[in-house]
Amino acid sequence: MATRKPRAAISLLTSILRPSTASKSLLPNTYICAPCQHQQRRQLHRELPMNGYIPSPTPFVPDVPTFLKLIGRELSKHASKIESWEELFTLTSNQLKTRGIDPPRTRRYLLRWREKFRKGEYGIGGDFQHVKDGVAELRVVEVPSLKKDPATGKSVVEAVTIGRTPGMQKLIVNVPNGEARYQLSPGQTTADLKKPNGFTLKNGYIIKGKQVRPMAGTNGSGVTVSAVEGLWEHTRGRKIYGGERRRAETLHKMRVEENKKNAR
């Protein structure tokens, strides 16, 4: 004798295999086609990341023209198209296009550097604290161990002398322009002094780095760094023999032409 399943069990099984319209409305709308997802990603990239956070200018990069001059790629000629520091970090790619900043690879390069600056990833000189008229001074300083006050046990703030006394630790420090001594701030210790990024010491007293100019009478232990065109530029690569994809074809054609010339 055949037994029939209860009607409730049949309806439950049917609802699982073939969900009704009402049950479909309860499902989350997470099923989006791949092209739609790709379009959403593109739209997201066109918007401002990090909630449109606008970083503050730095002593070495105080305004828009200086920023465009440092990153190079002839972007300094577009300085008049960006009116303020806020616009530099809020304009989208389409808005930059309407203002005449072309070609697209130039806009992508500008946006890439804008995000690096927004995250605090500067080029050479971006971490300078003492800059005057676009020029910063670096000197080799000798750092003595700070004396401690016997009563309080705290370090006493002293001046850091500039010279080459044997046995002293030497550091590259961004000093105020024209100063022969670097005064530590209240509460600052020698451990707080950090070498600017992109510079090294050669032979213990010569400062080496990009676009450094030795100061007279310092024997290389004092240099100036200026905000010049293309100091932060990421240079584009050159296509040699047509690039990687066409190199074999180009070299083959060159050999054929050379053989024709030799056969004559």
C-alpha atoms as a PDB file:
ATOM      1  CA  MET A   1       0.000   0.000   0.000  1.00  0.00           C
ATOM      2  CA  ALA A   2       1.476   3.300  -1.118  1.00  0.00           C
ATOM      3  CA  THR A   3       1.736   6.045   1.433  1.00  0.00           C
ATOM      4  CA  ARG A   4       1.496   9.705   0.553  1.00  0.00           C
ATOM      5  CA  LYS A   5       3.655  12.398   2.116  1.00  0.00           C
ATOM      6  CA  PRO A   6       1.893  14.979   4.200  1.00  0.00           C
ATOM      7  CA  ARG A   7       0.859  18.127   2.305  1.00  0.00           C
ATOM      8  CA  ALA A   8       2.930  20.319   4.645  1.00  0.00           C
ATOM      9  CA  ALA A   9       6.103  18.382   3.851  1.00  0.00           C
ATOM     10  CA  ILE A  10       5.405  18.635   0.097  1.00  0.00           C
ATOM     11  CA  SER A  11       4.863  22.413   0.282  1.00  0.00           C
ATOM     12  CA  LEU A  12       8.060  22.838   2.317  1.00  0.00           C
ATOM     13  CA  LEU A  13      10.062  20.803  -0.205  1.00  0.00           C
ATOM     14  CA  THR A  14       8.566  22.792  -3.091  1.00  0.00           C
ATOM     15  CA  SER A  15       9.395  26.129  -1.438  1.00  0.00           C
ATOM     16  CA  ILE A  16      13.015  25.067  -1.078  1.00  0.00           C
ATOM     17  CA  LEU A  17      13.411  23.816  -4.640  1.00  0.00           C
ATOM     18  CA  ARG A  18      11.334  26.555  -6.280  1.00  0.00           C
ATOM     19  CA  PRO A  19      11.187  29.624  -4.045  1.00  0.00           C
ATOM     20  CA  SER A  20       8.183  31.818  -4.655  1.00  0.00           C
ATOM     21  CA  THR A  21       8.247  35.505  -5.455  1.00  0.00           C
ATOM     22  CA  ALA A  22       7.629  36.368  -1.823  1.00  0.00           C
ATOM     23  CA  SER A  23      10.526  34.229  -0.667  1.00  0.00           C
ATOM     24  CA  LYS A  24      12.782  35.741  -3.361  1.00  0.00           C
ATOM     25  CA  SER A  25      12.076  39.191  -1.996  1.00  0.00           C
ATOM     26  CA  LEU A  26      13.487  38.052   1.335  1.00  0.00           C
ATOM     27  CA  LEU A  27      16.821  37.098  -0.217  1.00  0.00           C
ATOM     28  CA  PRO A  28      19.587  39.760  -0.109  1.00  0.00           C
ATOM     29  CA  ASN A  29      20.260  41.460  -3.417  1.00  0.00           C
ATOM     30  CA  THR A  30      23.859  40.282  -3.705  1.00  0.00           C
ATOM     31  CA  TYR A  31      23.699  38.645  -7.107  1.00  0.00           C
ATOM     32  CA  ILE A  32      25.149  41.252  -9.487  1.00  0.00           C
ATOM     33  CA  CYS A  33      26.514  40.468 -12.907  1.00  0.00           C
ATOM     34  CA  ALA A  34      30.262  40.721 -13.441  1.00  0.00           C
ATOM     35  CA  PRO A  35      30.086  43.720 -15.851  1.00  0.00           C
ATOM     36  CA  CYS A  36      27.984  45.610 -13.307  1.00  0.00           C
ATOM     37  CA  GLN A  37      30.533  44.916 -10.567  1.00  0.00           C
ATOM     38  CA  HIS A  38      33.334  46.104 -12.843  1.00  0.00           C
ATOM     39  CA  GLN A  39      31.414  49.307 -13.578  1.00  0.00           C
ATOM     40  CA  GLN A  40      30.876  49.873  -9.859  1.00  0.00           C
ATOM     41  CA  ARG A  41      34.615  49.504  -9.238  1.00  0.00           C
ATOM     42  CA  ARG A  42      35.389  52.037 -11.972  1.00  0.00           C
ATOM     43  CA  GLN A  43      32.877  54.458 -10.469  1.00  0.00           C
ATOM     44  CA  LEU A  44      34.429  53.942  -7.037  1.00  0.00           C
ATOM     45  CA  HIS A  45      37.898  54.735  -8.386  1.00  0.00           C
ATOM     46  CA  ARG A  46      36.592  57.964  -9.864  1.00  0.00           C
ATOM     47  CA  GLU A  47      35.395  59.129  -6.466  1.00  0.00           C
ATOM     48  CA  LEU A  48      37.544  60.591  -3.705  1.00  0.00           C
ATOM     49  CA  PRO A  49      39.157  57.979  -1.421  1.00  0.00           C
ATOM     50  CA  MET A  50      39.651  58.379   2.304  1.00  0.00           C
ATOM     51  CA  ASN A  51      36.434  60.435   2.541  1.00  0.00           C
ATOM     52  CA  GLY A  52      38.025  63.347   0.707  1.00  0.00           C
ATOM     53  CA  TYR A  53      40.686  63.976   3.361  1.00  0.00           C
ATOM     54  CA  ILE A  54      42.752  67.058   2.465  1.00  0.00           C
ATOM     55  CA  PRO A  55      46.304  66.981   3.887  1.00  0.00           C
ATOM     56  CA  SER A  56      47.987  70.142   5.053  1.00  0.00           C
ATOM     57  CA  PRO A  57      50.756  71.724   2.970  1.00  0.00           C
ATOM     58  CA  THR A  58      54.309  71.067   4.124  1.00  0.00           C
ATOM     59  CA  PRO A  59      57.158  73.585   4.381  1.00  0.00           C
ATOM     60  CA  PHE A  60      58.735  72.121   1.228  1.00  0.00           C
ATOM     61  CA  VAL A  61      55.395  71.876  -0.632  1.00  0.00           C
ATOM     62  CA  PRO A  62      53.420  74.972   0.394  1.00  0.00           C
ATOM     63  CA  ASP A  63      51.170  75.405  -2.669  1.00  0.00           C
ATOM     64  CA  VAL A  64      49.820  73.859  -5.871  1.00  0.00           C
ATOM     65  CA  PRO A  65      52.483  75.213  -8.298  1.00  0.00           C
ATOM     66  CA  THR A  66      55.280  73.760  -6.166  1.00  0.00           C
ATOM     67  CA  PHE A  67      53.556  70.358  -5.982  1.00  0.00           C
ATOM     68  CA  LEU A  68      53.066  70.205  -9.756  1.00  0.00           C
ATOM     69  CA  LYS A  69      56.630  71.357 -10.344  1.00  0.00           C
ATOM     70  CA  LEU A  70      58.067  68.662  -8.088  1.00  0.00           C
ATOM     71  CA  ILE A  71      56.195  65.728  -9.633  1.00  0.00           C
ATOM     72  CA  GLY A  72      57.313  66.747 -13.137  1.00  0.00           C
ATOM     73  CA  ARG A  73      55.863  65.426 -16.429  1.00  0.00           C
ATOM     74  CA  GLU A  74      55.371  69.102 -17.462  1.00  0.00           C
ATOM     75  CA  LEU A  75      52.409  69.378 -15.088  1.00  0.00           C
ATOM     76  CA  SER A  76      53.597  72.796 -13.898  1.00  0.00           C
ATOM     77  CA  LYS A  77      52.073  74.341 -17.034  1.00  0.00           C
ATOM     78  CA  HIS A  78      48.631  73.351 -15.675  1.00  0.00           C
ATOM     79  CA  ALA A  79      49.109  75.192 -12.364  1.00  0.00           C
ATOM     80  CA  SER A  80      46.694  77.970 -13.367  1.00  0.00           C
ATOM     81  CA  LYS A  81      43.903  75.400 -13.919  1.00  0.00           C
ATOM     82  CA  ILE A  82      43.863  74.376 -10.243  1.00  0.00           C
ATOM     83  CA  GLU A  83      42.973  77.403  -8.165  1.00  0.00           C
ATOM     84  CA  SER A  84      43.541  76.209  -4.600  1.00  0.00           C
ATOM     85  CA  TRP A  85      45.078  73.494  -2.442  1.00  0.00           C
ATOM     86  CA  GLU A  86      41.596  72.157  -1.649  1.00  0.00           C
ATOM     87  CA  GLU A  87      40.810  71.783  -5.356  1.00  0.00           C
ATOM     88  CA  LEU A  88      44.014  69.831  -5.898  1.00  0.00           C
ATOM     89  CA  PHE A  89      42.768  67.114  -3.528  1.00  0.00           C
ATOM     90  CA  THR A  90      39.050  67.207  -4.380  1.00  0.00           C
ATOM     91  CA  LEU A  91      38.845  67.391  -8.184  1.00  0.00           C
ATOM     92  CA  THR A  92      37.929  64.111  -9.864  1.00  0.00           C
ATOM     93  CA  SER A  93      39.466  62.783 -13.053  1.00  0.00           C
ATOM     94  CA  ASN A  94      36.520  63.997 -15.153  1.00  0.00           C
ATOM     95  CA  GLN A  95      36.760  67.470 -13.631  1.00  0.00           C
ATOM     96  CA  LEU A  96      40.478  67.584 -14.383  1.00  0.00           C
ATOM     97  CA  LYS A  97      39.667  66.561 -17.952  1.00  0.00           C
ATOM     98  CA  THR A  98      37.184  69.405 -18.387  1.00  0.00           C
ATOM     99  CA  ARG A  99      39.875  71.823 -17.222  1.00  0.00           C
ATOM    100  CA  GLY A 100      42.185  70.679 -19.984  1.00  0.00           C
ATOM    101  CA  ILE A 101      44.617  68.407 -18.142  1.00  0.00           C
ATOM    102  CA  ASP A 102      45.393  65.804 -20.811  1.00  0.00           C
ATOM    103  CA  PRO A 103      46.305  63.110 -21.870  1.00  0.00           C
ATOM    104  CA  PRO A 104      44.672  60.517 -19.572  1.00  0.00           C
ATOM    105  CA  ARG A 105      48.031  59.067 -18.479  1.00  0.00           C
ATOM    106  CA  THR A 106      48.981  62.525 -17.182  1.00  0.00           C
ATOM    107  CA  ARG A 107      45.814  62.692 -15.103  1.00  0.00           C
ATOM    108  CA  ARG A 108      46.435  59.193 -13.736  1.00  0.00           C
ATOM    109  CA  TYR A 109      49.978  60.219 -12.813  1.00  0.00           C
ATOM    110  CA  LEU A 110      48.687  63.331 -11.022  1.00  0.00           C
ATOM    111  CA  LEU A 111      46.039  61.344  -9.147  1.00  0.00           C
ATOM    112  CA  ARG A 112      48.601  58.717  -8.146  1.00  0.00           C
ATOM    113  CA  TRP A 113      50.937  61.341  -6.679  1.00  0.00           C
ATOM    114  CA  ARG A 114      47.989  63.055  -5.022  1.00  0.00           C
ATOM    115  CA  GLU A 115      47.100  59.864  -3.156  1.00  0.00           C
ATOM    116  CA  LYS A 116      50.731  59.277  -2.180  1.00  0.00           C
ATOM    117  CA  PHE A 117      50.883  62.781  -0.699  1.00  0.00           C
ATOM    118  CA  ARG A 118      47.550  62.218   1.019  1.00  0.00           C
ATOM    119  CA  LYS A 119      49.031  59.143   2.736  1.00  0.00           C
ATOM    120  CA  GLY A 120      52.223  60.989   3.731  1.00  0.00           C
ATOM    121  CA  GLU A 121      54.418  59.259   1.134  1.00  0.00           C
ATOM    122  CA  TYR A 122      56.592  62.180   0.037  1.00  0.00           C
ATOM    123  CA  GLY A 123      59.535  62.436  -2.288  1.00  0.00           C
ATOM    124  CA  ILE A 124      62.890  63.945  -1.372  1.00  0.00           C
ATOM    125  CA  GLY A 125      62.430  66.968   0.873  1.00  0.00           C
ATOM    126  CA  GLY A 126      58.846  66.247   1.796  1.00  0.00           C
ATOM    127  CA  ASP A 127      59.824  65.704   5.436  1.00  0.00           C
ATOM    128  CA  PHE A 128      61.812  68.956   5.741  1.00  0.00           C
ATOM    129  CA  GLN A 129      60.725  71.253   8.566  1.00  0.00           C
ATOM    130  CA  HIS A 130      62.913  74.290   7.836  1.00  0.00           C
ATOM    131  CA  VAL A 131      62.541  75.742   4.340  1.00  0.00           C
ATOM    132  CA  LYS A 132      62.953  79.317   3.123  1.00  0.00           C
ATOM    133  CA  ASP A 133      61.928  80.431  -0.384  1.00  0.00           C
ATOM    134  CA  GLY A 134      61.918  76.827  -1.600  1.00  0.00           C
ATOM    135  CA  VAL A 135      65.465  76.134  -0.364  1.00  0.00           C
ATOM    136  CA  ALA A 136      66.372  73.895   2.580  1.00  0.00           C
ATOM    137  CA  GLU A 137      69.747  73.467   4.272  1.00  0.00           C
ATOM    138  CA  LEU A 138      71.185  70.173   5.481  1.00  0.00           C
ATOM    139  CA  ARG A 139      74.200  69.894   7.737  1.00  0.00           C
ATOM    140  CA  VAL A 140      76.153  67.156   9.456  1.00  0.00           C
ATOM    141  CA  VAL A 141      75.712  67.605  13.185  1.00  0.00           C
ATOM    142  CA  GLU A 142      77.560  65.955  16.043  1.00  0.00           C
ATOM    143  CA  VAL A 143      75.173  64.697  18.670  1.00  0.00           C
ATOM    144  CA  PRO A 144      76.500  64.528  22.236  1.00  0.00           C
ATOM    145  CA  SER A 145      74.718  62.560  24.921  1.00  0.00           C
ATOM    146  CA  LEU A 146      72.417  64.934  26.759  1.00  0.00           C
ATOM    147  CA  LYS A 147      73.230  65.662  30.381  1.00  0.00           C
ATOM    148  CA  LYS A 148      70.583  64.946  33.002  1.00  0.00           C
ATOM    149  CA  ASP A 149      69.485  67.294  35.736  1.00  0.00           C
ATOM    150  CA  PRO A 150      70.530  65.710  39.076  1.00  0.00           C
ATOM    151  CA  ALA A 151      67.398  67.017  40.782  1.00  0.00           C
ATOM    152  CA  THR A 152      64.740  65.921  38.292  1.00  0.00           C
ATOM    153  CA  GLY A 153      66.579  63.274  36.287  1.00  0.00           C
ATOM    154  CA  LYS A 154      65.304  64.781  33.023  1.00  0.00           C
ATOM    155  CA  SER A 155      67.508  65.559  30.052  1.00  0.00           C
ATOM    156  CA  VAL A 156      68.738  69.132  29.806  1.00  0.00           C
ATOM    157  CA  VAL A 157      68.066  70.850  26.464  1.00  0.00           C
ATOM    158  CA  GLU A 158      71.362  71.819  24.851  1.00  0.00           C
ATOM    159  CA  ALA A 159      72.497  73.069  21.471  1.00  0.00           C
ATOM    160  CA  VAL A 160      73.816  70.521  18.998  1.00  0.00           C
ATOM    161  CA  THR A 161      77.170  71.681  17.636  1.00  0.00           C
ATOM    162  CA  ILE A 162      78.032  71.431  13.959  1.00  0.00           C
ATOM    163  CA  GLY A 163      81.510  70.076  13.269  1.00  0.00           C
ATOM    164  CA  ARG A 164      83.685  66.962  12.976  1.00  0.00           C
ATOM    165  CA  THR A 165      84.930  66.188  16.466  1.00  0.00           C
ATOM    166  CA  PRO A 166      86.190  62.567  16.747  1.00  0.00           C
ATOM    167  CA  GLY A 167      84.097  60.187  18.811  1.00  0.00           C
ATOM    168  CA  MET A 168      80.811  61.988  18.292  1.00  0.00           C
ATOM    169  CA  GLN A 169      77.814  60.539  16.510  1.00  0.00           C
ATOM    170  CA  LYS A 170      77.080  62.300  13.236  1.00  0.00           C
ATOM    171  CA  LEU A 171      73.654  62.848  11.754  1.00  0.00           C
ATOM    172  CA  ILE A 172      72.222  64.675   8.753  1.00  0.00           C
ATOM    173  CA  VAL A 173      69.777  67.273  10.035  1.00  0.00           C
ATOM    174  CA  ASN A 174      67.595  69.860   8.323  1.00  0.00           C
ATOM    175  CA  VAL A 175      68.665  73.082  10.044  1.00  0.00           C
ATOM    176  CA  PRO A 176      67.123  76.564   9.799  1.00  0.00           C
ATOM    177  CA  ASN A 177      68.614  78.515   6.902  1.00  0.00           C
ATOM    178  CA  GLY A 178      71.762  80.385   7.837  1.00  0.00           C
ATOM    179  CA  GLU A 179      72.048  78.845  11.304  1.00  0.00           C
ATOM    180  CA  ALA A 180      75.357  77.440  12.558  1.00  0.00           C
ATOM    181  CA  ARG A 181      73.747  75.677  15.534  1.00  0.00           C
ATOM    182  CA  TYR A 182      70.668  73.486  15.826  1.00  0.00           C
ATOM    183  CA  GLN A 183      68.728  74.107  19.027  1.00  0.00           C
ATOM    184  CA  LEU A 184      66.760  71.179  20.382  1.00  0.00           C
ATOM    185  CA  SER A 185      63.162  71.989  21.227  1.00  0.00           C
ATOM    186  CA  PRO A 186      61.953  71.699  24.838  1.00  0.00           C
ATOM    187  CA  GLY A 187      61.444  68.029  25.629  1.00  0.00           C
ATOM    188  CA  GLN A 188      63.296  66.932  22.482  1.00  0.00           C
ATOM    189  CA  THR A 189      66.263  64.566  22.745  1.00  0.00           C
ATOM    190  CA  THR A 190      68.916  63.439  20.315  1.00  0.00           C
ATOM    191  CA  ALA A 191      66.913  60.234  19.813  1.00  0.00           C
ATOM    192  CA  ASP A 192      64.176  62.361  18.216  1.00  0.00           C
ATOM    193  CA  LEU A 193      66.506  63.620  15.479  1.00  0.00           C
ATOM    194  CA  LYS A 194      65.920  61.739  12.238  1.00  0.00           C
ATOM    195  CA  LYS A 195      67.846  61.797   8.987  1.00  0.00           C
ATOM    196  CA  PRO A 196      65.782  63.143   6.077  1.00  0.00           C
ATOM    197  CA  ASN A 197      64.823  60.472   3.579  1.00  0.00           C
ATOM    198  CA  GLY A 198      66.987  60.096   0.491  1.00  0.00           C
ATOM    199  CA  PHE A 199      70.337  61.293   1.875  1.00  0.00           C
ATOM    200  CA  THR A 200      73.453  59.437   3.011  1.00  0.00           C
ATOM    201  CA  LEU A 201      76.863  60.218   4.473  1.00  0.00           C
ATOM    202  CA  LYS A 202      80.035  59.500   2.517  1.00  0.00           C
ATOM    203  CA  ASN A 203      83.369  59.270   4.339  1.00  0.00           C
ATOM    204  CA  GLY A 204      81.591  60.330   7.506  1.00  0.00           C
ATOM    205  CA  TYR A 205      81.027  63.976   6.583  1.00  0.00           C
ATOM    206  CA  ILE A 206      79.975  64.410   2.914  1.00  0.00           C
ATOM    207  CA  ILE A 207      76.219  64.570   2.304  1.00  0.00           C
ATOM    208  CA  LYS A 208      75.140  62.696  -0.813  1.00  0.00           C
ATOM    209  CA  GLY A 209      71.704  62.771  -2.392  1.00  0.00           C
ATOM    210  CA  LYS A 210      69.630  63.907  -5.322  1.00  0.00           C
ATOM    211  CA  GLN A 211      69.956  67.574  -6.341  1.00  0.00           C
ATOM    212  CA  VAL A 212      72.233  68.516  -3.421  1.00  0.00           C
ATOM    213  CA  ARG A 213      74.476  71.561  -3.808  1.00  0.00           C
ATOM    214  CA  PRO A 214      77.443  71.911  -1.429  1.00  0.00           C
ATOM    215  CA  MET A 215      77.634  75.110   0.565  1.00  0.00           C
ATOM    216  CA  ALA A 216      80.808  77.152   0.396  1.00  0.00           C
ATOM    217  CA  GLY A 217      83.312  76.433   3.150  1.00  0.00           C
ATOM    218  CA  THR A 218      81.629  73.263   4.436  1.00  0.00           C
ATOM    219  CA  ASN A 219      83.683  70.639   2.521  1.00  0.00           C
ATOM    220  CA  GLY A 220      80.460  68.850   1.639  1.00  0.00           C
ATOM    221  CA  SER A 221      79.118  68.660   5.202  1.00  0.00           C
ATOM    222  CA  GLY A 222      76.570  71.370   4.423  1.00  0.00           C
ATOM    223  CA  VAL A 223      74.317  71.339   1.358  1.00  0.00           C
ATOM    224  CA  THR A 224      71.225  73.034   0.025  1.00  0.00           C
ATOM    225  CA  VAL A 225      68.242  71.316  -1.597  1.00  0.00           C
ATOM    226  CA  SER A 226      65.861  73.300  -3.796  1.00  0.00           C
ATOM    227  CA  ALA A 227      62.362  72.516  -5.031  1.00  0.00           C
ATOM    228  CA  VAL A 228      63.270  72.151  -8.706  1.00  0.00           C
ATOM    229  CA  GLU A 229      61.306  70.854 -11.669  1.00  0.00           C
ATOM    230  CA  GLY A 230      60.905  67.069 -11.630  1.00  0.00           C
ATOM    231  CA  LEU A 231      62.577  66.395  -8.278  1.00  0.00           C
ATOM    232  CA  TRP A 232      59.920  63.772  -7.477  1.00  0.00           C
ATOM    233  CA  GLU A 233      59.267  62.688 -11.062  1.00  0.00           C
ATOM    234  CA  HIS A 234      58.756  59.034 -11.921  1.00  0.00           C
ATOM    235  CA  THR A 235      60.350  58.885 -15.344  1.00  0.00           C
ATOM    236  CA  ARG A 236      58.650  56.915 -18.078  1.00  0.00           C
ATOM    237  CA  GLY A 237      60.423  53.948 -19.603  1.00  0.00           C
ATOM    238  CA  ARG A 238      61.795  53.935 -23.152  1.00  0.00           C
ATOM    239  CA  LYS A 239      60.772  51.464 -25.805  1.00  0.00           C
ATOM    240  CA  ILE A 240      63.920  49.803 -27.140  1.00  0.00           C
ATOM    241  CA  TYR A 241      63.493  48.099 -30.505  1.00  0.00           C
ATOM    242  CA  GLY A 242      59.714  48.502 -30.341  1.00  0.00           C
ATOM    243  CA  GLY A 243      59.232  47.340 -26.761  1.00  0.00           C
ATOM    244  CA  GLU A 244      58.979  43.837 -25.327  1.00  0.00           C
ATOM    245  CA  ARG A 245      56.138  42.645 -27.560  1.00  0.00           C
ATOM    246  CA  ARG A 246      57.631  43.840 -30.859  1.00  0.00           C
ATOM    247  CA  ARG A 247      61.337  43.459 -30.096  1.00  0.00           C
ATOM    248  CA  ALA A 248      61.805  40.108 -31.868  1.00  0.00           C
ATOM    249  CA  GLU A 249      59.902  41.335 -34.929  1.00  0.00           C
ATOM    250  CA  THR A 250      61.831  44.603 -35.073  1.00  0.00           C
ATOM    251  CA  LEU A 251      65.217  42.907 -34.703  1.00  0.00           C
ATOM    252  CA  HIS A 252      64.277  40.425 -37.438  1.00  0.00           C
ATOM    253  CA  LYS A 253      63.400  43.245 -39.826  1.00  0.00           C
ATOM    254  CA  MET A 254      66.659  45.016 -38.980  1.00  0.00           C
ATOM    255  CA  ARG A 255      68.657  41.842 -39.733  1.00  0.00           C
ATOM    256  CA  VAL A 256      66.825  41.401 -43.046  1.00  0.00           C
ATOM    257  CA  GLU A 257      67.624  44.968 -44.082  1.00  0.00           C
ATOM    258  CA  GLU A 258      71.240  44.547 -43.007  1.00  0.00           C
ATOM    259  CA  ASN A 259      71.559  41.322 -45.038  1.00  0.00           C
ATOM    260  CA  LYS A 260      70.085  43.052 -48.093  1.00  0.00           C
ATOM    261  CA  LYS A 261      72.645  45.826 -47.808  1.00  0.00           C
ATOM    262  CA  ASN A 262      75.517  43.355 -47.440  1.00  0.00           C
ATOM    263  CA  ALA A 263      74.305  41.324 -50.444  1.00  0.00           C
ATOM    264  CA  ARG A 264      74.477  44.308 -52.781  1.00  0.00           C
END
